[in-house]
C-alpha atoms as a PDB file:
ATOM      1  CA  MET A   1     -42.468 -27.565 -81.717  1.00  0.00           C
ATOM      2  CA  GLN A   2     -43.380 -25.782 -84.925  1.00  0.00           C
ATOM      3  CA  VAL A   3     -43.212 -22.029 -85.511  1.00  0.00           C
ATOM      4  CA  THR A   4     -43.404 -19.698 -88.474  1.00  0.00           C
ATOM      5  CA  ALA A   5     -40.261 -18.124 -89.890  1.00  0.00           C
ATOM      6  CA  THR A   6     -41.391 -14.736 -88.567  1.00  0.00           C
ATOM      7  CA  GLU A   7     -41.851 -16.142 -85.058  1.00  0.00           C
ATOM      8  CA  ALA A   8     -38.417 -17.775 -85.255  1.00  0.00           C
ATOM      9  CA  LYS A   9     -36.864 -14.457 -86.296  1.00  0.00           C
ATOM     10  CA  ASN A  10     -38.642 -12.460 -83.606  1.00  0.00           C
ATOM     11  CA  ARG A  11     -38.035 -14.986 -80.803  1.00  0.00           C
ATOM     12  CA  PHE A  12     -34.676 -16.418 -81.896  1.00  0.00           C
ATOM     13  CA  GLY A  13     -33.228 -16.682 -78.373  1.00  0.00           C
ATOM     14  CA  GLN A  14     -36.295 -18.530 -77.074  1.00  0.00           C
ATOM     15  CA  ILE A  15     -36.324 -20.787 -80.144  1.00  0.00           C
ATOM     16  CA  CYS A  16     -32.661 -21.696 -79.578  1.00  0.00           C
ATOM     17  CA  ALA A  17     -33.408 -22.500 -75.924  1.00  0.00           C
ATOM     18  CA  GLN A  18     -36.353 -24.662 -76.984  1.00  0.00           C
ATOM     19  CA  ALA A  19     -34.180 -26.448 -79.562  1.00  0.00           C
ATOM     20  CA  LYS A  20     -32.008 -27.709 -76.709  1.00  0.00           C
ATOM     21  CA  ARG A  21     -35.014 -29.697 -75.498  1.00  0.00           C
ATOM     22  CA  GLU A  22     -36.589 -30.712 -78.826  1.00  0.00           C
ATOM     23  CA  PRO A  23     -36.246 -30.005 -82.549  1.00  0.00           C
ATOM     24  CA  VAL A  24     -37.973 -26.799 -83.654  1.00  0.00           C
ATOM     25  CA  PHE A  25     -39.569 -26.951 -87.097  1.00  0.00           C
ATOM     26  CA  ILE A  26     -39.630 -23.650 -88.979  1.00  0.00           C
ATOM     27  CA  GLU A  27     -42.593 -23.150 -91.277  1.00  0.00           C
ATOM     28  CA  LYS A  28     -42.323 -20.933 -94.328  1.00  0.00           C
ATOM     29  CA  GLY A  29     -45.130 -20.452 -96.816  1.00  0.00           C
ATOM     30  CA  GLY A  30     -47.317 -22.969 -95.004  1.00  0.00           C
ATOM     31  CA  ARG A  31     -44.740 -25.777 -95.208  1.00  0.00           C
ATOM     32  CA  VAL A  32     -41.925 -26.918 -92.942  1.00  0.00           C
ATOM     33  CA  ASP A  33     -38.774 -25.408 -94.424  1.00  0.00           C
ATOM     34  CA  SER A  34     -36.055 -25.848 -91.801  1.00  0.00           C
ATOM     35  CA  VAL A  35     -35.302 -27.419 -88.445  1.00  0.00           C
ATOM     36  CA  ILE A  36     -33.281 -26.032 -85.564  1.00  0.00           C
ATOM     37  CA  LEU A  37     -31.517 -28.699 -83.504  1.00  0.00           C
ATOM     38  CA  SER A  38     -29.285 -28.683 -80.466  1.00  0.00           C
ATOM     39  CA  VAL A  39     -25.607 -29.348 -81.060  1.00  0.00           C
ATOM     40  CA  GLU A  40     -25.987 -32.718 -79.329  1.00  0.00           C
ATOM     41  CA  GLN A  41     -28.830 -33.750 -81.648  1.00  0.00           C
ATOM     42  CA  PHE A  42     -26.896 -32.599 -84.701  1.00  0.00           C
ATOM     43  CA  GLU A  43     -23.749 -34.488 -83.640  1.00  0.00           C
ATOM     44  CA  ALA A  44     -25.824 -37.625 -83.012  1.00  0.00           C
ATOM     45  CA  LEU A  45     -27.248 -37.370 -86.537  1.00  0.00           C
ATOM     46  CA  GLN A  46     -23.764 -36.922 -87.980  1.00  0.00           C
ATOM     47  CA  ALA A  47     -22.451 -39.940 -86.065  1.00  0.00           C
ATOM     48  CA  LEU A  48     -25.373 -42.025 -87.309  1.00  0.00           C
ATOM     49  CA  GLN A  49     -24.697 -40.937 -90.892  1.00  0.00           C
ATOM     50  CA  GLN A  50     -21.031 -41.929 -90.609  1.00  0.00           C
ATOM     51  CA  GLN A  51     -21.952 -45.374 -89.331  1.00  0.00           C
ATOM     52  CA  LYS A  52     -23.540 -46.387 -92.601  1.00  0.00           C
ATOM     53  CA  THR A  53     -21.847 -49.386 -94.044  1.00  0.00           C
ATOM     54  CA  MET A  54     -20.293 -49.359 -97.476  1.00  0.00           C
ATOM     55  CA  ALA A  55     -23.060 -51.706 -98.655  1.00  0.00           C
ATOM     56  CA  GLN A  56     -25.731 -49.249 -97.480  1.00  0.00           C
ATOM     57  CA  ARG A  57     -23.972 -46.362 -99.182  1.00  0.00           C
ATOM     58  CA  ARG A  58     -23.576 -48.402-102.386  1.00  0.00           C
ATOM     59  CA  LYS A  59     -27.267 -49.317-102.333  1.00  0.00           C
ATOM     60  CA  GLU A  60     -28.291 -45.677-101.840  1.00  0.00           C
ATOM     61  CA  PHE A  61     -25.970 -44.575-104.655  1.00  0.00           C
ATOM     62  CA  ASN A  62     -27.349 -47.228-107.016  1.00  0.00           C
ATOM     63  CA  GLU A  63     -30.920 -46.227-106.198  1.00  0.00           C
ATOM     64  CA  LYS A  64     -30.237 -42.510-106.576  1.00  0.00           C
ATOM     65  CA  TYR A  65     -28.286 -42.805-109.842  1.00  0.00           C
ATOM     66  CA  LYS A  66     -30.057 -45.842-111.336  1.00  0.00           C
ATOM     67  CA  ASP A  67     -31.016 -44.057-114.552  1.00  0.00           C
ATOM     68  CA  TRP A  68     -27.495 -42.728-115.117  1.00  0.00           C
ATOM     69  CA  ILE A  69     -25.930 -46.143-114.400  1.00  0.00           C
ATOM     70  CA  ASP A  70     -28.348 -47.818-116.821  1.00  0.00           C
ATOM     71  CA  GLU A  71     -27.486 -45.206-119.456  1.00  0.00           C
ATOM     72  CA  GLN A  72     -23.745 -45.801-119.000  1.00  0.00           C
ATOM     73  CA  ASN A  73     -24.176 -49.578-119.167  1.00  0.00           C
ATOM     74  CA  GLN A  74     -26.186 -49.249-122.373  1.00  0.00           C
ATOM     75  CA  HIS A  75     -23.513 -46.992-123.851  1.00  0.00           C
ATOM     76  CA  PHE A  76     -20.869 -49.582-122.953  1.00  0.00           C
ATOM     77  CA  GLU A  77     -22.897 -52.421-124.478  1.00  0.00           C
ATOM     78  CA  THR A  78     -23.300 -50.427-127.692  1.00  0.00           C
ATOM     79  CA  ASN A  79     -19.839 -48.861-128.002  1.00  0.00           C
ATOM     80  CA  GLY A  80     -17.483 -50.750-125.712  1.00  0.00           C
ATOM     81  CA  LEU A  81     -14.793 -48.940-123.767  1.00  0.00           C
ATOM     82  CA  TRP A  82     -13.312 -45.745-125.185  1.00  0.00           C
ATOM     83  CA  CYS A  83      -9.823 -47.275-124.929  1.00  0.00           C
ATOM     84  CA  ASP A  84     -10.501 -50.671-126.545  1.00  0.00           C
ATOM     85  CA  GLY A  85      -8.438 -49.803-129.638  1.00  0.00           C
ATOM     86  CA  PHE A  86      -5.350 -48.586-127.769  1.00  0.00           C
ATOM     87  CA  VAL A  87      -2.256 -50.769-127.724  1.00  0.00           C
ATOM     88  CA  ALA A  88       0.808 -50.305-125.524  1.00  0.00           C
ATOM     89  CA  TRP A  89       3.944 -49.226-127.370  1.00  0.00           C
ATOM     90  CA  GLN A  90       6.132 -52.122-128.383  1.00  0.00           C
ATOM     91  CA  GLU A  91       9.648 -52.111-129.713  1.00  0.00           C
END
């Protein structure tokens, strides 16, 4: 179901009841802006999110921050580690 933000505001109780059966998409400015879900649907989404493996999360991180990672690697190649010159105290 899809309703405008004004409809959602004016019929909030009905929208919440409908959300127990199916997601309700809230349109604002001609575009879908938000979704109202039942608690069960929300908990299922959370459980699915938590099931991601470490490899999946690593892959997503690397894709999301690829440019930053490349920048850091280039900085390392050019300058080395910031602590390369440090030596442990010796007596």
